[in-house]
Amino acid sequence: MTALGQLQTVDRACQTNDDSKRCGTSSSVNVGLNIMHTGSQAGYWVVEWTEDWDSSFNDLIGRFPEIVVGRYVAIASCDSGPYRPTDAEITAGWHDQHGMAVSPRISEISQLPMPGFDEWYVYDDSGAIDHCRAFVNHFGFAPLGASNTLANAFWSQVEICQPLHVLGAGTPTMFFVTRDEALFRKVTNA
């Protein structure tokens, strides 16, 4: 993957075709979202889906569990606030690290809360996790907002924290940011 110095985006309007959403010559994840934007920045590939309702990771993670399975998830936002693991989850290996709830190595997607207004930082190694500020709670936040102060702060944080993936679900945007170009292609061409 080549790190690009400048943000590049491609907008593709989606059209319904049977049971899936089609975007240009490739299809998007069927998460009920109308517009897909893609781009890259700072060595990461980005896909955003936009709609006028609150999005959730359920469809995305359900179709692409490899985004989180076998990895650690640091939750910067869950339902617009910090995630507080239950006693059972703490016993199963959840812990607080830098003010965020961090999962044990994920073996099933059912281990993760997905109510909406969520922001996750995904790592292969739990020791690499640093504090991450949540951005999805700002109405209209999108990482591909090139001239947006929040987007600039987001990218500064990503460059410092170096997660494998970042997922965000707010209003009106859900996004997937990844260093894994093959997984990015799989998600955008599904």
C-alpha atoms as a PDB file:
ATOM      1  CA  MET A   1       0.000   0.000   0.000  1.00  0.00           C
ATOM      2  CA  THR A   2       1.255   3.437  -0.845  1.00  0.00           C
ATOM      3  CA  ALA A   3       0.783   6.249   1.650  1.00  0.00           C
ATOM      4  CA  LEU A   4      -0.641   9.240  -0.136  1.00  0.00           C
ATOM      5  CA  GLY A   5       0.403  12.717   0.944  1.00  0.00           C
ATOM      6  CA  GLN A   6      -2.909  14.232  -0.093  1.00  0.00           C
ATOM      7  CA  LEU A   7      -6.379  12.993   0.541  1.00  0.00           C
ATOM      8  CA  GLN A   8      -7.970  11.456  -2.521  1.00  0.00           C
ATOM      9  CA  THR A   9     -11.674  10.665  -2.674  1.00  0.00           C
ATOM     10  CA  VAL A  10     -14.002   9.158  -5.192  1.00  0.00           C
ATOM     11  CA  ASP A  11     -17.766   9.622  -4.785  1.00  0.00           C
ATOM     12  CA  ARG A  12     -20.015   6.955  -6.191  1.00  0.00           C
ATOM     13  CA  ALA A  13     -23.786   7.254  -6.069  1.00  0.00           C
ATOM     14  CA  CYS A  14     -25.370   3.900  -5.320  1.00  0.00           C
ATOM     15  CA  GLN A  15     -28.415   2.491  -7.006  1.00  0.00           C
ATOM     16  CA  THR A  16     -30.541  -0.363  -5.703  1.00  0.00           C
ATOM     17  CA  ASN A  17     -30.208  -3.536  -7.764  1.00  0.00           C
ATOM     18  CA  ASP A  18     -32.229  -6.466  -6.410  1.00  0.00           C
ATOM     19  CA  ASP A  19     -31.122  -7.062  -2.809  1.00  0.00           C
ATOM     20  CA  SER A  20     -27.829  -5.186  -2.877  1.00  0.00           C
ATOM     21  CA  LYS A  21     -26.601  -1.653  -3.331  1.00  0.00           C
ATOM     22  CA  ARG A  22     -24.530  -1.072  -6.461  1.00  0.00           C
ATOM     23  CA  CYS A  23     -21.927   1.686  -6.640  1.00  0.00           C
ATOM     24  CA  GLY A  24     -20.461   2.357 -10.058  1.00  0.00           C
ATOM     25  CA  THR A  25     -19.048  -0.946 -11.253  1.00  0.00           C
ATOM     26  CA  SER A  26     -18.672  -2.406  -7.771  1.00  0.00           C
ATOM     27  CA  SER A  27     -21.151  -2.873  -4.962  1.00  0.00           C
ATOM     28  CA  SER A  28     -21.116  -1.565  -1.417  1.00  0.00           C
ATOM     29  CA  VAL A  29     -21.875  -3.353   1.795  1.00  0.00           C
ATOM     30  CA  ASN A  30     -25.645  -3.668   2.055  1.00  0.00           C
ATOM     31  CA  VAL A  31     -26.017  -1.543   5.177  1.00  0.00           C
ATOM     32  CA  GLY A  32     -28.902   0.540   3.863  1.00  0.00           C
ATOM     33  CA  LEU A  33     -26.697   3.526   3.104  1.00  0.00           C
ATOM     34  CA  ASN A  34     -27.095   5.513  -0.088  1.00  0.00           C
ATOM     35  CA  ILE A  35     -23.707   7.051  -0.876  1.00  0.00           C
ATOM     36  CA  MET A  36     -20.273   5.471  -0.658  1.00  0.00           C
ATOM     37  CA  HIS A  37     -17.118   7.591  -0.653  1.00  0.00           C
ATOM     38  CA  THR A  38     -13.656   6.063  -0.809  1.00  0.00           C
ATOM     39  CA  GLY A  39     -10.189   7.488  -0.461  1.00  0.00           C
ATOM     40  CA  SER A  40      -6.832   7.105   1.185  1.00  0.00           C
ATOM     41  CA  GLN A  41      -4.680   9.118   3.514  1.00  0.00           C
ATOM     42  CA  ALA A  42      -1.639   8.585   5.745  1.00  0.00           C
ATOM     43  CA  GLY A  43      -1.181   4.995   4.541  1.00  0.00           C
ATOM     44  CA  TYR A  44      -4.814   4.061   5.234  1.00  0.00           C
ATOM     45  CA  TRP A  45      -7.683   3.183   2.910  1.00  0.00           C
ATOM     46  CA  VAL A  46     -11.078   4.695   3.755  1.00  0.00           C
ATOM     47  CA  VAL A  47     -14.682   3.919   2.909  1.00  0.00           C
ATOM     48  CA  GLU A  48     -17.593   6.029   4.136  1.00  0.00           C
ATOM     49  CA  TRP A  49     -21.304   5.330   3.836  1.00  0.00           C
ATOM     50  CA  THR A  50     -23.725   8.216   4.264  1.00  0.00           C
ATOM     51  CA  GLU A  51     -27.415   8.237   5.198  1.00  0.00           C
ATOM     52  CA  ASP A  52     -29.825  10.360   7.203  1.00  0.00           C
ATOM     53  CA  TRP A  53     -30.236   7.903  10.087  1.00  0.00           C
ATOM     54  CA  ASP A  54     -28.066   6.426  12.821  1.00  0.00           C
ATOM     55  CA  SER A  55     -25.815   3.713  11.438  1.00  0.00           C
ATOM     56  CA  SER A  56     -24.524   0.594  13.193  1.00  0.00           C
ATOM     57  CA  PHE A  57     -21.683  -1.869  12.609  1.00  0.00           C
ATOM     58  CA  ASN A  58     -23.990  -4.913  12.665  1.00  0.00           C
ATOM     59  CA  ASP A  59     -24.175  -5.458   8.886  1.00  0.00           C
ATOM     60  CA  LEU A  60     -20.546  -4.545   8.184  1.00  0.00           C
ATOM     61  CA  ILE A  61     -19.069  -6.751  10.921  1.00  0.00           C
ATOM     62  CA  GLY A  62     -21.586  -9.506  10.191  1.00  0.00           C
ATOM     63  CA  ARG A  63     -20.413  -9.695   6.582  1.00  0.00           C
ATOM     64  CA  PHE A  64     -16.719  -9.109   7.311  1.00  0.00           C
ATOM     65  CA  PRO A  65     -15.963 -10.561  10.758  1.00  0.00           C
ATOM     66  CA  GLU A  66     -12.259 -10.692   9.871  1.00  0.00           C
ATOM     67  CA  ILE A  67     -12.181  -6.957  10.601  1.00  0.00           C
ATOM     68  CA  VAL A  68     -12.252  -7.820  14.327  1.00  0.00           C
ATOM     69  CA  VAL A  69     -11.952 -11.602  14.816  1.00  0.00           C
ATOM     70  CA  GLY A  70      -8.500 -12.494  16.147  1.00  0.00           C
ATOM     71  CA  ARG A  71      -7.829  -8.879  17.113  1.00  0.00           C
ATOM     72  CA  TYR A  72      -8.217  -6.502  20.046  1.00  0.00           C
ATOM     73  CA  VAL A  73     -10.804  -3.724  19.955  1.00  0.00           C
ATOM     74  CA  ALA A  74     -10.373  -0.480  21.897  1.00  0.00           C
ATOM     75  CA  ILE A  75     -13.727   1.269  22.222  1.00  0.00           C
ATOM     76  CA  ALA A  76     -13.465   5.066  22.130  1.00  0.00           C
ATOM     77  CA  SER A  77     -17.253   5.480  21.938  1.00  0.00           C
ATOM     78  CA  CYS A  78     -20.222   3.186  22.502  1.00  0.00           C
ATOM     79  CA  ASP A  79     -23.695   4.672  22.195  1.00  0.00           C
ATOM     80  CA  SER A  80     -22.115   8.162  22.394  1.00  0.00           C
ATOM     81  CA  GLY A  81     -20.073   7.544  25.526  1.00  0.00           C
ATOM     82  CA  PRO A  82     -17.476   5.338  27.160  1.00  0.00           C
ATOM     83  CA  TYR A  83     -18.106   1.604  27.213  1.00  0.00           C
ATOM     84  CA  ARG A  84     -18.265   0.068  30.680  1.00  0.00           C
ATOM     85  CA  PRO A  85     -17.687  -3.695  30.503  1.00  0.00           C
ATOM     86  CA  THR A  86     -19.858  -5.865  32.709  1.00  0.00           C
ATOM     87  CA  ASP A  87     -18.350  -7.954  35.516  1.00  0.00           C
ATOM     88  CA  ALA A  88     -18.686 -11.013  33.260  1.00  0.00           C
ATOM     89  CA  GLU A  89     -16.816  -9.214  30.460  1.00  0.00           C
ATOM     90  CA  ILE A  90     -14.053  -8.163  32.861  1.00  0.00           C
ATOM     91  CA  THR A  91     -13.747 -11.777  33.963  1.00  0.00           C
ATOM     92  CA  ALA A  92     -13.521 -12.747  30.263  1.00  0.00           C
ATOM     93  CA  GLY A  93     -10.581 -10.357  29.747  1.00  0.00           C
ATOM     94  CA  TRP A  94     -12.001  -6.901  29.030  1.00  0.00           C
ATOM     95  CA  HIS A  95     -10.000  -4.155  30.734  1.00  0.00           C
ATOM     96  CA  ASP A  96      -9.491  -0.407  30.875  1.00  0.00           C
ATOM     97  CA  GLN A  97      -6.489   0.905  28.996  1.00  0.00           C
ATOM     98  CA  HIS A  98      -5.868   4.641  28.633  1.00  0.00           C
ATOM     99  CA  GLY A  99      -9.503   5.358  29.528  1.00  0.00           C
ATOM    100  CA  MET A 100     -10.969   3.023  26.904  1.00  0.00           C
ATOM    101  CA  ALA A 101     -12.534  -0.404  27.249  1.00  0.00           C
ATOM    102  CA  VAL A 102     -10.287  -2.927  25.502  1.00  0.00           C
ATOM    103  CA  SER A 103     -11.525  -6.359  24.525  1.00  0.00           C
ATOM    104  CA  PRO A 104      -9.694  -9.622  24.892  1.00  0.00           C
ATOM    105  CA  ARG A 105      -8.709 -11.157  21.543  1.00  0.00           C
ATOM    106  CA  ILE A 106     -12.064 -11.362  19.741  1.00  0.00           C
ATOM    107  CA  SER A 107     -13.205 -14.857  18.767  1.00  0.00           C
ATOM    108  CA  GLU A 108     -16.853 -14.025  17.943  1.00  0.00           C
ATOM    109  CA  ILE A 109     -18.456 -10.760  16.873  1.00  0.00           C
ATOM    110  CA  SER A 110     -21.112 -11.254  19.556  1.00  0.00           C
ATOM    111  CA  GLN A 111     -18.416 -10.226  22.085  1.00  0.00           C
ATOM    112  CA  LEU A 112     -18.719  -6.620  20.886  1.00  0.00           C
ATOM    113  CA  PRO A 113     -21.420  -4.034  21.633  1.00  0.00           C
ATOM    114  CA  MET A 114     -22.825  -2.315  18.527  1.00  0.00           C
ATOM    115  CA  PRO A 115     -25.642   0.054  19.544  1.00  0.00           C
ATOM    116  CA  GLY A 116     -24.634   2.943  17.232  1.00  0.00           C
ATOM    117  CA  PHE A 117     -22.558   6.060  17.786  1.00  0.00           C
ATOM    118  CA  ASP A 118     -19.607   3.685  18.179  1.00  0.00           C
ATOM    119  CA  GLU A 119     -15.947   4.229  17.403  1.00  0.00           C
ATOM    120  CA  TRP A 120     -13.470   1.356  17.539  1.00  0.00           C
ATOM    121  CA  TYR A 121      -9.697   1.193  17.145  1.00  0.00           C
ATOM    122  CA  VAL A 122      -8.640  -2.327  16.143  1.00  0.00           C
ATOM    123  CA  TYR A 123      -5.164  -3.738  16.829  1.00  0.00           C
ATOM    124  CA  ASP A 124      -3.326  -7.025  16.371  1.00  0.00           C
ATOM    125  CA  ASP A 125      -1.513  -6.487  19.697  1.00  0.00           C
ATOM    126  CA  SER A 126      -3.171  -5.118  22.841  1.00  0.00           C
ATOM    127  CA  GLY A 127       0.138  -3.613  23.995  1.00  0.00           C
ATOM    128  CA  ALA A 128       0.106  -1.176  21.062  1.00  0.00           C
ATOM    129  CA  ILE A 129      -3.130   0.553  22.149  1.00  0.00           C
ATOM    130  CA  ASP A 130      -2.913   4.222  23.054  1.00  0.00           C
ATOM    131  CA  HIS A 131      -5.640   6.653  24.162  1.00  0.00           C
ATOM    132  CA  CYS A 132      -7.971   7.532  21.314  1.00  0.00           C
ATOM    133  CA  ARG A 133     -10.449  10.404  21.334  1.00  0.00           C
ATOM    134  CA  ALA A 134     -13.904   9.716  19.844  1.00  0.00           C
ATOM    135  CA  PHE A 135     -15.013  11.726  16.813  1.00  0.00           C
ATOM    136  CA  VAL A 136     -18.308  10.034  15.837  1.00  0.00           C
ATOM    137  CA  ASN A 137     -20.257  11.983  18.444  1.00  0.00           C
ATOM    138  CA  HIS A 138     -19.813  15.172  16.411  1.00  0.00           C
ATOM    139  CA  PHE A 139     -22.769  15.428  14.023  1.00  0.00           C
ATOM    140  CA  GLY A 140     -21.609  15.060  10.445  1.00  0.00           C
ATOM    141  CA  PHE A 141     -18.073  13.880  11.248  1.00  0.00           C
ATOM    142  CA  ALA A 142     -16.427  12.058   8.334  1.00  0.00           C
ATOM    143  CA  PRO A 143     -12.712  11.209   8.008  1.00  0.00           C
ATOM    144  CA  LEU A 144     -12.714  12.201   4.338  1.00  0.00           C
ATOM    145  CA  GLY A 145     -13.673  15.798   5.230  1.00  0.00           C
ATOM    146  CA  ALA A 146     -10.438  17.237   3.804  1.00  0.00           C
ATOM    147  CA  SER A 147     -10.898  20.825   4.995  1.00  0.00           C
ATOM    148  CA  ASN A 148     -12.551  19.889   8.282  1.00  0.00           C
ATOM    149  CA  THR A 149     -10.747  20.647  11.569  1.00  0.00           C
ATOM    150  CA  LEU A 150     -12.155  17.474  13.151  1.00  0.00           C
ATOM    151  CA  ALA A 151     -10.985  15.339  10.231  1.00  0.00           C
ATOM    152  CA  ASN A 152      -7.491  16.810  10.580  1.00  0.00           C
ATOM    153  CA  ALA A 153      -7.488  15.996  14.315  1.00  0.00           C
ATOM    154  CA  PHE A 154      -8.729  12.477  13.540  1.00  0.00           C
ATOM    155  CA  TRP A 155      -5.892  11.859  11.074  1.00  0.00           C
ATOM    156  CA  SER A 156      -3.303  13.231  13.516  1.00  0.00           C
ATOM    157  CA  GLN A 157      -4.591  10.766  16.101  1.00  0.00           C
ATOM    158  CA  VAL A 158      -4.573   7.846  13.650  1.00  0.00           C
ATOM    159  CA  GLU A 159      -0.976   8.610  12.681  1.00  0.00           C
ATOM    160  CA  ILE A 160       0.043   8.602  16.363  1.00  0.00           C
ATOM    161  CA  CYS A 161      -2.016   5.567  17.495  1.00  0.00           C
ATOM    162  CA  GLN A 162      -1.347   3.448  14.356  1.00  0.00           C
ATOM    163  CA  PRO A 163      -4.352   1.099  14.607  1.00  0.00           C
ATOM    164  CA  LEU A 164      -4.861  -1.582  11.982  1.00  0.00           C
ATOM    165  CA  HIS A 165      -8.467  -0.406  11.507  1.00  0.00           C
ATOM    166  CA  VAL A 166     -10.767   2.338  12.764  1.00  0.00           C
ATOM    167  CA  LEU A 167     -14.529   1.968  12.557  1.00  0.00           C
ATOM    168  CA  GLY A 168     -17.019   4.728  13.278  1.00  0.00           C
ATOM    169  CA  ALA A 169     -20.805   4.855  13.207  1.00  0.00           C
ATOM    170  CA  GLY A 170     -22.427   8.229  13.775  1.00  0.00           C
ATOM    171  CA  THR A 171     -24.891  10.474  11.981  1.00  0.00           C
ATOM    172  CA  PRO A 172     -24.971  10.596   9.017  1.00  0.00           C
ATOM    173  CA  THR A 173     -21.747   8.668   8.329  1.00  0.00           C
ATOM    174  CA  MET A 174     -20.379   5.217   9.006  1.00  0.00           C
ATOM    175  CA  PHE A 175     -16.726   4.665   8.114  1.00  0.00           C
ATOM    176  CA  PHE A 176     -14.070   1.976   7.878  1.00  0.00           C
ATOM    177  CA  VAL A 177     -10.410   3.059   7.865  1.00  0.00           C
ATOM    178  CA  THR A 178      -7.783   0.362   7.341  1.00  0.00           C
ATOM    179  CA  ARG A 179      -4.132  -0.270   6.541  1.00  0.00           C
ATOM    180  CA  ASP A 180      -5.210  -3.554   4.903  1.00  0.00           C
ATOM    181  CA  GLU A 181      -5.747  -2.724   1.226  1.00  0.00           C
ATOM    182  CA  ALA A 182      -6.979  -6.237   0.397  1.00  0.00           C
ATOM    183  CA  LEU A 183      -9.680  -6.017   3.073  1.00  0.00           C
ATOM    184  CA  PHE A 184     -10.604  -2.509   1.879  1.00  0.00           C
ATOM    185  CA  ARG A 185     -11.051  -3.896  -1.665  1.00  0.00           C
ATOM    186  CA  LYS A 186     -13.099  -6.811  -0.358  1.00  0.00           C
ATOM    187  CA  VAL A 187     -15.451  -4.481   1.548  1.00  0.00           C
ATOM    188  CA  THR A 188     -15.886  -2.019  -1.322  1.00  0.00           C
ATOM    189  CA  ASN A 189     -16.371  -4.743  -3.932  1.00  0.00           C
ATOM    190  CA  ALA A 190     -18.721  -6.995  -1.940  1.00  0.00           C
END
